Amino acid sequence: MEENPAFAIAVARQLAGHVRRLTTRVFEFSTMAVRQRLRAELLRLAKPAAGADTAAIASLPTHAELASRISTHREAVSRELAWLGDGGFILKQGRSLLIPSLGKFRSLMEDGWEG
């Protein structure tokens, strides 16, 4: 690293990115309810469509995998995904998931709407 400053900078940037992501996760675990953590995880997984207010998750993890990621149980994930689907905030299509309006979905996080 001492002999290659460009490599040292790349490593430092990568480590800083990891610290930022981990800090965000610690903040979420300590301050957010389960439904907010799930919504945040879905936003992280979603790939926004170019030039549109939609996003998609091509291969949604199982409810158990999502629960493990956000430190809860599968039933809570199933319940929240059903609520989001009933409200039109998400559309499940087989193993994929569509967020038809990112603005509307993000407003759930900002407004703290618990439904």
PDB file of N, CA and C in Angstrom:
ATOM      1  N   MET A   1       0.820  -1.184   0.000  1.00  0.00           N
ATOM      2  CA  MET A   1       0.000   0.000   0.000  1.00  0.00           C
ATOM      3  C   MET A   1       0.869   1.255   0.000  1.00  0.00           C
ATOM      4  N   GLU A   2       2.011   1.187   0.697  1.00  0.00           N
ATOM      5  CA  GLU A   2       2.896   2.343   0.737  1.00  0.00           C
ATOM      6  C   GLU A   2       3.475   2.653  -0.636  1.00  0.00           C
ATOM      7  N   GLU A   3       3.657   1.631  -1.439  1.00  0.00           N
ATOM      8  CA  GLU A   3       4.264   1.816  -2.747  1.00  0.00           C
ATOM      9  C   GLU A   3       3.253   2.162  -3.842  1.00  0.00           C
ATOM     10  N   ASN A   4       1.978   2.006  -3.558  1.00  0.00           N
ATOM     11  CA  ASN A   4       0.959   2.257  -4.568  1.00  0.00           C
ATOM     12  C   ASN A   4      -0.167   3.102  -3.969  1.00  0.00           C
ATOM     13  N   PRO A   5      -0.035   4.422  -4.006  1.00  0.00           N
ATOM     14  CA  PRO A   5      -1.050   5.304  -3.411  1.00  0.00           C
ATOM     15  C   PRO A   5      -2.454   5.110  -3.994  1.00  0.00           C
ATOM     16  N   ALA A   6      -2.551   4.814  -5.275  1.00  0.00           N
ATOM     17  CA  ALA A   6      -3.873   4.613  -5.882  1.00  0.00           C
ATOM     18  C   ALA A   6      -4.571   3.408  -5.251  1.00  0.00           C
ATOM     19  N   PHE A   7      -3.816   2.359  -5.005  1.00  0.00           N
ATOM     20  CA  PHE A   7      -4.379   1.175  -4.353  1.00  0.00           C
ATOM     21  C   PHE A   7      -4.807   1.508  -2.924  1.00  0.00           C
ATOM     22  N   ALA A   8      -3.981   2.249  -2.203  1.00  0.00           N
ATOM     23  CA  ALA A   8      -4.300   2.633  -0.825  1.00  0.00           C
ATOM     24  C   ALA A   8      -5.581   3.456  -0.770  1.00  0.00           C
ATOM     25  N   ILE A   9      -5.748   4.363  -1.714  1.00  0.00           N
ATOM     26  CA  ILE A   9      -6.963   5.180  -1.761  1.00  0.00           C
ATOM     27  C   ILE A   9      -8.178   4.318  -2.068  1.00  0.00           C
ATOM     28  N   ALA A  10      -8.038   3.370  -2.979  1.00  0.00           N
ATOM     29  CA  ALA A  10      -9.148   2.472  -3.315  1.00  0.00           C
ATOM     30  C   ALA A  10      -9.563   1.639  -2.103  1.00  0.00           C
ATOM     31  N   VAL A  11      -8.599   1.135  -1.365  1.00  0.00           N
ATOM     32  CA  VAL A  11      -8.892   0.350  -0.163  1.00  0.00           C
ATOM     33  C   VAL A  11      -9.578   1.236   0.881  1.00  0.00           C
ATOM     34  N   ALA A  12      -9.063   2.443   1.071  1.00  0.00           N
ATOM     35  CA  ALA A  12      -9.660   3.367   2.050  1.00  0.00           C
ATOM     36  C   ALA A  12     -11.105   3.698   1.674  1.00  0.00           C
ATOM     37  N   ARG A  13     -11.367   3.915   0.382  1.00  0.00           N
ATOM     38  CA  ARG A  13     -12.741   4.197  -0.060  1.00  0.00           C
ATOM     39  C   ARG A  13     -13.654   3.010   0.193  1.00  0.00           C
ATOM     40  N   GLN A  14     -13.151   1.826  -0.087  1.00  0.00           N
ATOM     41  CA  GLN A  14     -13.963   0.626   0.136  1.00  0.00           C
ATOM     42  C   GLN A  14     -14.287   0.458   1.624  1.00  0.00           C
ATOM     43  N   LEU A  15     -13.295   0.634   2.469  1.00  0.00           N
ATOM     44  CA  LEU A  15     -13.516   0.519   3.919  1.00  0.00           C
ATOM     45  C   LEU A  15     -14.488   1.586   4.418  1.00  0.00           C
ATOM     46  N   ALA A  16     -14.361   2.801   3.911  1.00  0.00           N
ATOM     47  CA  ALA A  16     -15.280   3.876   4.310  1.00  0.00           C
ATOM     48  C   ALA A  16     -16.713   3.530   3.906  1.00  0.00           C
ATOM     49  N   GLY A  17     -16.886   2.938   2.732  1.00  0.00           N
ATOM     50  CA  GLY A  17     -18.213   2.506   2.298  1.00  0.00           C
ATOM     51  C   GLY A  17     -18.801   1.455   3.215  1.00  0.00           C
ATOM     52  N   HIS A  18     -17.973   0.495   3.623  1.00  0.00           N
ATOM     53  CA  HIS A  18     -18.431  -0.541   4.558  1.00  0.00           C
ATOM     54  C   HIS A  18     -18.847   0.083   5.891  1.00  0.00           C
ATOM     55  N   VAL A  19     -18.057   1.010   6.386  1.00  0.00           N
ATOM     56  CA  VAL A  19     -18.382   1.666   7.663  1.00  0.00           C
ATOM     57  C   VAL A  19     -19.703   2.419   7.545  1.00  0.00           C
ATOM     58  N   ARG A  20     -19.915   3.131   6.438  1.00  0.00           N
ATOM     59  CA  ARG A  20     -21.180   3.857   6.252  1.00  0.00           C
ATOM     60  C   ARG A  20     -22.366   2.901   6.238  1.00  0.00           C
ATOM     61  N   ARG A  21     -22.260   1.801   5.477  1.00  0.00           N
ATOM     62  CA  ARG A  21     -23.362   0.834   5.419  1.00  0.00           C
ATOM     63  C   ARG A  21     -23.632   0.204   6.781  1.00  0.00           C
ATOM     64  N   LEU A  22     -22.588  -0.162   7.500  1.00  0.00           N
ATOM     65  CA  LEU A  22     -22.769  -0.773   8.813  1.00  0.00           C
ATOM     66  C   LEU A  22     -23.345   0.209   9.816  1.00  0.00           C
ATOM     67  N   THR A  23     -22.918   1.461   9.743  1.00  0.00           N
ATOM     68  CA  THR A  23     -23.463   2.483  10.638  1.00  0.00           C
ATOM     69  C   THR A  23     -24.957   2.672  10.375  1.00  0.00           C
ATOM     70  N   THR A  24     -25.327   2.669   9.120  1.00  0.00           N
ATOM     71  CA  THR A  24     -26.748   2.783   8.768  1.00  0.00           C
ATOM     72  C   THR A  24     -27.541   1.623   9.342  1.00  0.00           C
ATOM     73  N   ARG A  25     -27.003   0.414   9.206  1.00  0.00           N
ATOM     74  CA  ARG A  25     -27.710  -0.759   9.727  1.00  0.00           C
ATOM     75  C   ARG A  25     -27.846  -0.721  11.247  1.00  0.00           C
ATOM     76  N   VAL A  26     -26.803  -0.323  11.952  1.00  0.00           N
ATOM     77  CA  VAL A  26     -26.874  -0.222  13.412  1.00  0.00           C
ATOM     78  C   VAL A  26     -27.927   0.807  13.800  1.00  0.00           C
ATOM     79  N   PHE A  27     -27.950   1.933  13.103  1.00  0.00           N
ATOM     80  CA  PHE A  27     -28.957   2.960  13.357  1.00  0.00           C
ATOM     81  C   PHE A  27     -30.357   2.390  13.161  1.00  0.00           C
ATOM     82  N   GLU A  28     -30.564   1.658  12.061  1.00  0.00           N
ATOM     83  CA  GLU A  28     -31.877   1.075  11.784  1.00  0.00           C
ATOM     84  C   GLU A  28     -32.300   0.106  12.875  1.00  0.00           C
ATOM     85  N   PHE A  29     -31.397  -0.781  13.287  1.00  0.00           N
ATOM     86  CA  PHE A  29     -31.748  -1.764  14.309  1.00  0.00           C
ATOM     87  C   PHE A  29     -32.105  -1.102  15.633  1.00  0.00           C
ATOM     88  N   SER A  30     -31.472   0.007  15.932  1.00  0.00           N
ATOM     89  CA  SER A  30     -31.694   0.632  17.231  1.00  0.00           C
ATOM     90  C   SER A  30     -32.842   1.637  17.243  1.00  0.00           C
ATOM     91  N   THR A  31     -33.285   2.109  16.073  1.00  0.00           N
ATOM     92  CA  THR A  31     -34.296   3.165  16.075  1.00  0.00           C
ATOM     93  C   THR A  31     -35.565   2.840  15.298  1.00  0.00           C
ATOM     94  N   MET A  32     -35.549   1.847  14.442  1.00  0.00           N
ATOM     95  CA  MET A  32     -36.703   1.580  13.582  1.00  0.00           C
ATOM     96  C   MET A  32     -37.487   0.361  14.032  1.00  0.00           C
ATOM     97  N   ALA A  33     -38.786   0.444  13.801  1.00  0.00           N
ATOM     98  CA  ALA A  33     -39.659  -0.707  14.014  1.00  0.00           C
ATOM     99  C   ALA A  33     -39.432  -1.714  12.894  1.00  0.00           C
ATOM    100  N   VAL A  34     -39.926  -2.921  13.071  1.00  0.00           N
ATOM    101  CA  VAL A  34     -39.741  -3.997  12.096  1.00  0.00           C
ATOM    102  C   VAL A  34     -40.233  -3.574  10.715  1.00  0.00           C
ATOM    103  N   ARG A  35     -41.419  -2.986  10.640  1.00  0.00           N
ATOM    104  CA  ARG A  35     -41.964  -2.630   9.325  1.00  0.00           C
ATOM    105  C   ARG A  35     -41.095  -1.589   8.629  1.00  0.00           C
ATOM    106  N   GLN A  36     -40.519  -0.667   9.382  1.00  0.00           N
ATOM    107  CA  GLN A  36     -39.624   0.322   8.782  1.00  0.00           C
ATOM    108  C   GLN A  36     -38.324  -0.334   8.308  1.00  0.00           C
ATOM    109  N   ARG A  37     -37.806  -1.282   9.096  1.00  0.00           N
ATOM    110  CA  ARG A  37     -36.580  -1.980   8.684  1.00  0.00           C
ATOM    111  C   ARG A  37     -36.815  -2.783   7.407  1.00  0.00           C
ATOM    112  N   LEU A  38     -37.978  -3.421   7.294  1.00  0.00           N
ATOM    113  CA  LEU A  38     -38.286  -4.187   6.089  1.00  0.00           C
ATOM    114  C   LEU A  38     -38.387  -3.255   4.890  1.00  0.00           C
ATOM    115  N   ARG A  39     -39.056  -2.139   5.057  1.00  0.00           N
ATOM    116  CA  ARG A  39     -39.185  -1.180   3.958  1.00  0.00           C
ATOM    117  C   ARG A  39     -37.807  -0.680   3.519  1.00  0.00           C
ATOM    118  N   ALA A  40     -36.940  -0.389   4.483  1.00  0.00           N
ATOM    119  CA  ALA A  40     -35.589   0.070   4.163  1.00  0.00           C
ATOM    120  C   ALA A  40     -34.816  -1.020   3.410  1.00  0.00           C
ATOM    121  N   GLU A  41     -34.971  -2.269   3.828  1.00  0.00           N
ATOM    122  CA  GLU A  41     -34.285  -3.380   3.152  1.00  0.00           C
ATOM    123  C   GLU A  41     -34.806  -3.545   1.725  1.00  0.00           C
ATOM    124  N   LEU A  42     -36.108  -3.424   1.528  1.00  0.00           N
ATOM    125  CA  LEU A  42     -36.668  -3.522   0.184  1.00  0.00           C
ATOM    126  C   LEU A  42     -36.134  -2.403  -0.712  1.00  0.00           C
ATOM    127  N   LEU A  43     -36.027  -1.205  -0.162  1.00  0.00           N
ATOM    128  CA  LEU A  43     -35.457  -0.095  -0.943  1.00  0.00           C
ATOM    129  C   LEU A  43     -34.002  -0.360  -1.304  1.00  0.00           C
ATOM    130  N   ARG A  44     -33.250  -0.969  -0.388  1.00  0.00           N
ATOM    131  CA  ARG A  44     -31.849  -1.300  -0.680  1.00  0.00           C
ATOM    132  C   ARG A  44     -31.744  -2.325  -1.804  1.00  0.00           C
ATOM    133  N   LEU A  45     -32.654  -3.298  -1.799  1.00  0.00           N
ATOM    134  CA  LEU A  45     -32.620  -4.373  -2.787  1.00  0.00           C
ATOM    135  C   LEU A  45     -33.156  -3.947  -4.153  1.00  0.00           C
ATOM    136  N   ALA A  46     -34.038  -2.952  -4.174  1.00  0.00           N
ATOM    137  CA  ALA A  46     -34.715  -2.549  -5.404  1.00  0.00           C
ATOM    138  C   ALA A  46     -33.777  -1.826  -6.365  1.00  0.00           C
ATOM    139  N   LYS A  47     -33.939  -2.136  -7.623  1.00  0.00           N
ATOM    140  CA  LYS A  47     -33.187  -1.480  -8.692  1.00  0.00           C
ATOM    141  C   LYS A  47     -34.146  -0.536  -9.406  1.00  0.00           C
ATOM    142  N   PRO A  48     -33.931   0.786  -9.274  1.00  0.00           N
ATOM    143  CA  PRO A  48     -34.840   1.748  -9.923  1.00  0.00           C
ATOM    144  C   PRO A  48     -34.794   1.621 -11.443  1.00  0.00           C
ATOM    145  N   ALA A  49     -35.953   1.803 -12.063  1.00  0.00           N
ATOM    146  CA  ALA A  49     -36.037   1.798 -13.523  1.00  0.00           C
ATOM    147  C   ALA A  49     -35.546   3.144 -14.034  1.00  0.00           C
ATOM    148  N   ALA A  50     -34.827   3.120 -15.133  1.00  0.00           N
ATOM    149  CA  ALA A  50     -34.287   4.355 -15.711  1.00  0.00           C
ATOM    150  C   ALA A  50     -35.427   5.273 -16.147  1.00  0.00           C
ATOM    151  N   GLY A  51     -35.403   6.496 -15.651  1.00  0.00           N
ATOM    152  CA  GLY A  51     -36.374   7.498 -16.064  1.00  0.00           C
ATOM    153  C   GLY A  51     -37.786   7.277 -15.574  1.00  0.00           C
ATOM    154  N   ALA A  52     -37.977   6.411 -14.607  1.00  0.00           N
ATOM    155  CA  ALA A  52     -39.322   6.146 -14.096  1.00  0.00           C
ATOM    156  C   ALA A  52     -39.296   6.164 -12.572  1.00  0.00           C
ATOM    157  N   ASP A  53     -40.475   6.242 -11.994  1.00  0.00           N
ATOM    158  CA  ASP A  53     -40.603   6.264 -10.534  1.00  0.00           C
ATOM    159  C   ASP A  53     -40.852   4.855  -9.996  1.00  0.00           C
ATOM    160  N   THR A  54     -40.455   3.840 -10.746  1.00  0.00           N
ATOM    161  CA  THR A  54     -40.665   2.459 -10.323  1.00  0.00           C
ATOM    162  C   THR A  54     -39.327   1.794 -10.031  1.00  0.00           C
ATOM    163  N   ALA A  55     -39.400   0.675  -9.341  1.00  0.00           N
ATOM    164  CA  ALA A  55     -38.204  -0.124  -9.066  1.00  0.00           C
ATOM    165  C   ALA A  55     -38.623  -1.575  -8.974  1.00  0.00           C
ATOM    166  N   ALA A  56     -37.656  -2.461  -9.132  1.00  0.00           N
ATOM    167  CA  ALA A  56     -37.949  -3.890  -9.090  1.00  0.00           C
ATOM    168  C   ALA A  56     -36.855  -4.640  -8.354  1.00  0.00           C
ATOM    169  N   ILE A  57     -37.266  -5.718  -7.739  1.00  0.00           N
ATOM    170  CA  ILE A  57     -36.338  -6.683  -7.154  1.00  0.00           C
ATOM    171  C   ILE A  57     -36.532  -7.946  -7.972  1.00  0.00           C
ATOM    172  N   ALA A  58     -35.545  -8.280  -8.775  1.00  0.00           N
ATOM    173  CA  ALA A  58     -35.673  -9.398  -9.720  1.00  0.00           C
ATOM    174  C   ALA A  58     -35.878 -10.732  -9.008  1.00  0.00           C
ATOM    175  N   SER A  59     -35.140 -10.954  -7.944  1.00  0.00           N
ATOM    176  CA  SER A  59     -35.249 -12.212  -7.213  1.00  0.00           C
ATOM    177  C   SER A  59     -35.352 -11.896  -5.722  1.00  0.00           C
ATOM    178  N   LEU A  60     -36.575 -11.782  -5.252  1.00  0.00           N
ATOM    179  CA  LEU A  60     -36.826 -11.445  -3.853  1.00  0.00           C
ATOM    180  C   LEU A  60     -36.357 -12.582  -2.944  1.00  0.00           C
ATOM    181  N   PRO A  61     -35.573 -12.271  -1.914  1.00  0.00           N
ATOM    182  CA  PRO A  61     -35.201 -13.319  -0.947  1.00  0.00           C
ATOM    183  C   PRO A  61     -36.458 -13.886  -0.280  1.00  0.00           C
ATOM    184  N   THR A  62     -36.335 -15.065   0.273  1.00  0.00           N
ATOM    185  CA  THR A  62     -37.475 -15.657   0.972  1.00  0.00           C
ATOM    186  C   THR A  62     -37.828 -14.807   2.189  1.00  0.00           C
ATOM    187  N   HIS A  63     -39.023 -15.015   2.708  1.00  0.00           N
ATOM    188  CA  HIS A  63     -39.448 -14.279   3.901  1.00  0.00           C
ATOM    189  C   HIS A  63     -38.503 -14.563   5.066  1.00  0.00           C
ATOM    190  N   ALA A  64     -38.057 -15.804   5.184  1.00  0.00           N
ATOM    191  CA  ALA A  64     -37.118 -16.155   6.259  1.00  0.00           C
ATOM    192  C   ALA A  64     -35.786 -15.435   6.086  1.00  0.00           C
ATOM    193  N   GLU A  65     -35.303 -15.333   4.844  1.00  0.00           N
ATOM    194  CA  GLU A  65     -34.044 -14.617   4.594  1.00  0.00           C
ATOM    195  C   GLU A  65     -34.188 -13.131   4.907  1.00  0.00           C
ATOM    196  N   LEU A  66     -35.302 -12.541   4.488  1.00  0.00           N
ATOM    197  CA  LEU A  66     -35.543 -11.133   4.805  1.00  0.00           C
ATOM    198  C   LEU A  66     -35.612 -10.926   6.315  1.00  0.00           C
ATOM    199  N   ALA A  67     -36.297 -11.835   6.994  1.00  0.00           N
ATOM    200  CA  ALA A  67     -36.422 -11.733   8.456  1.00  0.00           C
ATOM    201  C   ALA A  67     -35.049 -11.780   9.116  1.00  0.00           C
ATOM    202  N   SER A  68     -34.195 -12.656   8.638  1.00  0.00           N
ATOM    203  CA  SER A  68     -32.851 -12.768   9.194  1.00  0.00           C
ATOM    204  C   SER A  68     -32.062 -11.480   8.971  1.00  0.00           C
ATOM    205  N   ARG A  69     -32.216 -10.881   7.798  1.00  0.00           N
ATOM    206  CA  ARG A  69     -31.489  -9.644   7.482  1.00  0.00           C
ATOM    207  C   ARG A  69     -31.896  -8.476   8.379  1.00  0.00           C
ATOM    208  N   ILE A  70     -33.165  -8.458   8.792  1.00  0.00           N
ATOM    209  CA  ILE A  70     -33.645  -7.316   9.573  1.00  0.00           C
ATOM    210  C   ILE A  70     -33.912  -7.672  11.034  1.00  0.00           C
ATOM    211  N   SER A  71     -33.452  -8.836  11.434  1.00  0.00           N
ATOM    212  CA  SER A  71     -33.534  -9.271  12.829  1.00  0.00           C
ATOM    213  C   SER A  71     -34.970  -9.337  13.355  1.00  0.00           C
ATOM    214  N   THR A  72     -35.772 -10.144  12.665  1.00  0.00           N
ATOM    215  CA  THR A  72     -37.143 -10.376  13.118  1.00  0.00           C
ATOM    216  C   THR A  72     -37.527 -11.804  12.735  1.00  0.00           C
ATOM    217  N   HIS A  73     -38.810 -12.110  12.745  1.00  0.00           N
ATOM    218  CA  HIS A  73     -39.262 -13.457  12.395  1.00  0.00           C
ATOM    219  C   HIS A  73     -40.041 -13.427  11.079  1.00  0.00           C
ATOM    220  N   ARG A  74     -40.129 -14.574  10.449  1.00  0.00           N
ATOM    221  CA  ARG A  74     -40.738 -14.701   9.136  1.00  0.00           C
ATOM    222  C   ARG A  74     -42.180 -14.195   9.111  1.00  0.00           C
ATOM    223  N   GLU A  75     -42.920 -14.449  10.161  1.00  0.00           N
ATOM    224  CA  GLU A  75     -44.319 -14.045  10.213  1.00  0.00           C
ATOM    225  C   GLU A  75     -44.476 -12.529  10.112  1.00  0.00           C
ATOM    226  N   ALA A  76     -43.584 -11.795  10.758  1.00  0.00           N
ATOM    227  CA  ALA A  76     -43.649 -10.327  10.697  1.00  0.00           C
ATOM    228  C   ALA A  76     -43.393  -9.837   9.277  1.00  0.00           C
ATOM    229  N   VAL A  77     -42.462 -10.479   8.584  1.00  0.00           N
ATOM    230  CA  VAL A  77     -42.171 -10.117   7.195  1.00  0.00           C
ATOM    231  C   VAL A  77     -43.384 -10.429   6.323  1.00  0.00           C
ATOM    232  N   SER A  78     -43.965 -11.614   6.485  1.00  0.00           N
ATOM    233  CA  SER A  78     -45.142 -11.993   5.699  1.00  0.00           C
ATOM    234  C   SER A  78     -46.292 -11.022   5.917  1.00  0.00           C
ATOM    235  N   ARG A  79     -46.527 -10.656   7.155  1.00  0.00           N
ATOM    236  CA  ARG A  79     -47.608  -9.737   7.507  1.00  0.00           C
ATOM    237  C   ARG A  79     -47.390  -8.359   6.845  1.00  0.00           C
ATOM    238  N   GLU A  80     -46.173  -7.843   6.930  1.00  0.00           N
ATOM    239  CA  GLU A  80     -45.890  -6.531   6.360  1.00  0.00           C
ATOM    240  C   GLU A  80     -45.932  -6.557   4.841  1.00  0.00           C
ATOM    241  N   LEU A  81     -45.404  -7.607   4.219  1.00  0.00           N
ATOM    242  CA  LEU A  81     -45.473  -7.701   2.759  1.00  0.00           C
ATOM    243  C   LEU A  81     -46.928  -7.777   2.294  1.00  0.00           C
ATOM    244  N   ALA A  82     -47.769  -8.488   3.040  1.00  0.00           N
ATOM    245  CA  ALA A  82     -49.197  -8.552   2.703  1.00  0.00           C
ATOM    246  C   ALA A  82     -49.836  -7.168   2.822  1.00  0.00           C
ATOM    247  N   TRP A  83     -49.500  -6.427   3.879  1.00  0.00           N
ATOM    248  CA  TRP A  83     -50.049  -5.083   4.069  1.00  0.00           C
ATOM    249  C   TRP A  83     -49.599  -4.169   2.932  1.00  0.00           C
ATOM    250  N   LEU A  84     -48.329  -4.237   2.558  1.00  0.00           N
ATOM    251  CA  LEU A  84     -47.815  -3.418   1.466  1.00  0.00           C
ATOM    252  C   LEU A  84     -48.491  -3.779   0.153  1.00  0.00           C
ATOM    253  N   GLY A  85     -48.720  -5.065  -0.069  1.00  0.00           N
ATOM    254  CA  GLY A  85     -49.405  -5.507  -1.283  1.00  0.00           C
ATOM    255  C   GLY A  85     -50.848  -5.052  -1.320  1.00  0.00           C
ATOM    256  N   ASP A  86     -51.555  -5.203  -0.204  1.00  0.00           N
ATOM    257  CA  ASP A  86     -52.955  -4.778  -0.129  1.00  0.00           C
ATOM    258  C   ASP A  86     -53.094  -3.274  -0.369  1.00  0.00           C
ATOM    259  N   GLY A  87     -52.108  -2.511   0.066  1.00  0.00           N
ATOM    260  CA  GLY A  87     -52.144  -1.062  -0.113  1.00  0.00           C
ATOM    261  C   GLY A  87     -51.658  -0.603  -1.479  1.00  0.00           C
ATOM    262  N   GLY A  88     -51.203  -1.523  -2.314  1.00  0.00           N
ATOM    263  CA  GLY A  88     -50.727  -1.176  -3.643  1.00  0.00           C
ATOM    264  C   GLY A  88     -49.319  -0.595  -3.656  1.00  0.00           C
ATOM    265  N   PHE A  89     -48.614  -0.714  -2.539  1.00  0.00           N
ATOM    266  CA  PHE A  89     -47.246  -0.187  -2.461  1.00  0.00           C
ATOM    267  C   PHE A  89     -46.246  -1.115  -3.153  1.00  0.00           C
ATOM    268  N   ILE A  90     -46.578  -2.407  -3.234  1.00  0.00           N
ATOM    269  CA  ILE A  90     -45.737  -3.390  -3.923  1.00  0.00           C
ATOM    270  C   ILE A  90     -46.633  -4.320  -4.730  1.00  0.00           C
ATOM    271  N   LEU A  91     -46.057  -4.927  -5.752  1.00  0.00           N
ATOM    272  CA  LEU A  91     -46.736  -5.955  -6.534  1.00  0.00           C
ATOM    273  C   LEU A  91     -45.794  -7.139  -6.644  1.00  0.00           C
ATOM    274  N   LYS A  92     -46.244  -8.300  -6.178  1.00  0.00           N
ATOM    275  CA  LYS A  92     -45.429  -9.509  -6.303  1.00  0.00           C
ATOM    276  C   LYS A  92     -45.777 -10.201  -7.608  1.00  0.00           C
ATOM    277  N   GLN A  93     -44.731 -10.621  -8.312  1.00  0.00           N
ATOM    278  CA  GLN A  93     -44.891 -11.324  -9.576  1.00  0.00           C
ATOM    279  C   GLN A  93     -43.961 -12.526  -9.536  1.00  0.00           C
ATOM    280  N   GLY A  94     -44.445 -13.629  -9.009  1.00  0.00           N
ATOM    281  CA  GLY A  94     -43.592 -14.805  -8.832  1.00  0.00           C
ATOM    282  C   GLY A  94     -42.520 -14.506  -7.793  1.00  0.00           C
ATOM    283  N   ARG A  95     -41.249 -14.670  -8.170  1.00  0.00           N
ATOM    284  CA  ARG A  95     -40.128 -14.399  -7.250  1.00  0.00           C
ATOM    285  C   ARG A  95     -39.672 -12.943  -7.309  1.00  0.00           C
ATOM    286  N   SER A  96     -40.281 -12.157  -8.200  1.00  0.00           N
ATOM    287  CA  SER A  96     -39.877 -10.753  -8.305  1.00  0.00           C
ATOM    288  C   SER A  96     -40.900  -9.869  -7.593  1.00  0.00           C
ATOM    289  N   LEU A  97     -40.463  -8.650  -7.327  1.00  0.00           N
ATOM    290  CA  LEU A  97     -41.308  -7.695  -6.636  1.00  0.00           C
ATOM    291  C   LEU A  97     -41.163  -6.355  -7.339  1.00  0.00           C
ATOM    292  N   LEU A  98     -42.267  -5.693  -7.574  1.00  0.00           N
ATOM    293  CA  LEU A  98     -42.270  -4.389  -8.227  1.00  0.00           C
ATOM    294  C   LEU A  98     -42.754  -3.345  -7.238  1.00  0.00           C
ATOM    295  N   ILE A  99     -42.063  -2.229  -7.199  1.00  0.00           N
ATOM    296  CA  ILE A  99     -42.514  -1.066  -6.434  1.00  0.00           C
ATOM    297  C   ILE A  99     -43.014  -0.079  -7.487  1.00  0.00           C
ATOM    298  N   PRO A 100     -44.352   0.046  -7.666  1.00  0.00           N
ATOM    299  CA  PRO A 100     -44.883   0.865  -8.753  1.00  0.00           C
ATOM    300  C   PRO A 100     -44.611   2.362  -8.595  1.00  0.00           C
ATOM    301  N   SER A 101     -44.451   2.825  -7.359  1.00  0.00           N
ATOM    302  CA  SER A 101     -44.155   4.241  -7.138  1.00  0.00           C
ATOM    303  C   SER A 101     -43.138   4.367  -6.002  1.00  0.00           C
ATOM    304  N   LEU A 102     -41.892   4.655  -6.377  1.00  0.00           N
ATOM    305  CA  LEU A 102     -40.862   4.835  -5.348  1.00  0.00           C
ATOM    306  C   LEU A 102     -41.187   6.014  -4.443  1.00  0.00           C
ATOM    307  N   GLY A 103     -41.747   7.068  -5.020  1.00  0.00           N
ATOM    308  CA  GLY A 103     -42.110   8.235  -4.213  1.00  0.00           C
ATOM    309  C   GLY A 103     -43.125   7.883  -3.138  1.00  0.00           C
ATOM    310  N   LYS A 104     -44.143   7.147  -3.523  1.00  0.00           N
ATOM    311  CA  LYS A 104     -45.181   6.722  -2.579  1.00  0.00           C
ATOM    312  C   LYS A 104     -44.587   5.780  -1.523  1.00  0.00           C
ATOM    313  N   PHE A 105     -43.722   4.867  -1.983  1.00  0.00           N
ATOM    314  CA  PHE A 105     -43.109   3.912  -1.057  1.00  0.00           C
ATOM    315  C   PHE A 105     -42.200   4.630  -0.065  1.00  0.00           C
ATOM    316  N   ARG A 106     -41.388   5.561  -0.559  1.00  0.00           N
ATOM    317  CA  ARG A 106     -40.491   6.308   0.328  1.00  0.00           C
ATOM    318  C   ARG A 106     -41.264   7.155   1.324  1.00  0.00           C
ATOM    319  N   SER A 107     -42.446   7.628   0.919  1.00  0.00           N
ATOM    320  CA  SER A 107     -43.249   8.438   1.845  1.00  0.00           C
ATOM    321  C   SER A 107     -43.661   7.624   3.072  1.00  0.00           C
ATOM    322  N   LEU A 108     -43.764   6.304   2.914  1.00  0.00           N
ATOM    323  CA  LEU A 108     -44.051   5.449   4.073  1.00  0.00           C
ATOM    324  C   LEU A 108     -42.938   5.566   5.109  1.00  0.00           C
ATOM    325  N   MET A 109     -41.706   5.661   4.638  1.00  0.00           N
ATOM    326  CA  MET A 109     -40.558   5.777   5.542  1.00  0.00           C
ATOM    327  C   MET A 109     -40.516   7.159   6.182  1.00  0.00           C
ATOM    328  N   GLU A 110     -40.728   8.178   5.369  1.00  0.00           N
ATOM    329  CA  GLU A 110     -40.604   9.553   5.850  1.00  0.00           C
ATOM    330  C   GLU A 110     -41.741   9.953   6.770  1.00  0.00           C
ATOM    331  N   ASP A 111     -42.963   9.530   6.432  1.00  0.00           N
ATOM    332  CA  ASP A 111     -44.123   9.911   7.226  1.00  0.00           C
ATOM    333  C   ASP A 111     -44.302   9.033   8.442  1.00  0.00           C
ATOM    334  N   GLY A 112     -43.585   7.892   8.465  1.00  0.00           N
ATOM    335  CA  GLY A 112     -43.757   6.962   9.582  1.00  0.00           C
ATOM    336  C   GLY A 112     -45.119   6.292   9.556  1.00  0.00           C
ATOM    337  N   TRP A 113     -45.751   6.254   8.364  1.00  0.00           N
ATOM    338  CA  TRP A 113     -47.077   5.672   8.234  1.00  0.00           C
ATOM    339  C   TRP A 113     -47.023   4.205   8.609  1.00  0.00           C
ATOM    340  N   GLU A 114     -47.748   3.852   9.622  1.00  0.00           N
ATOM    341  CA  GLU A 114     -47.718   2.487  10.132  1.00  0.00           C
ATOM    342  C   GLU A 114     -48.922   1.663   9.713  1.00  0.00           C
ATOM    343  N   GLY A 115     -49.914   2.294   9.124  1.00  0.00           N
ATOM    344  CA  GLY A 115     -51.065   1.562   8.602  1.00  0.00           C
ATOM    345  C   GLY A 115     -51.905   0.874   9.595  1.00  0.00           C
TER     346      GLY A 115
END
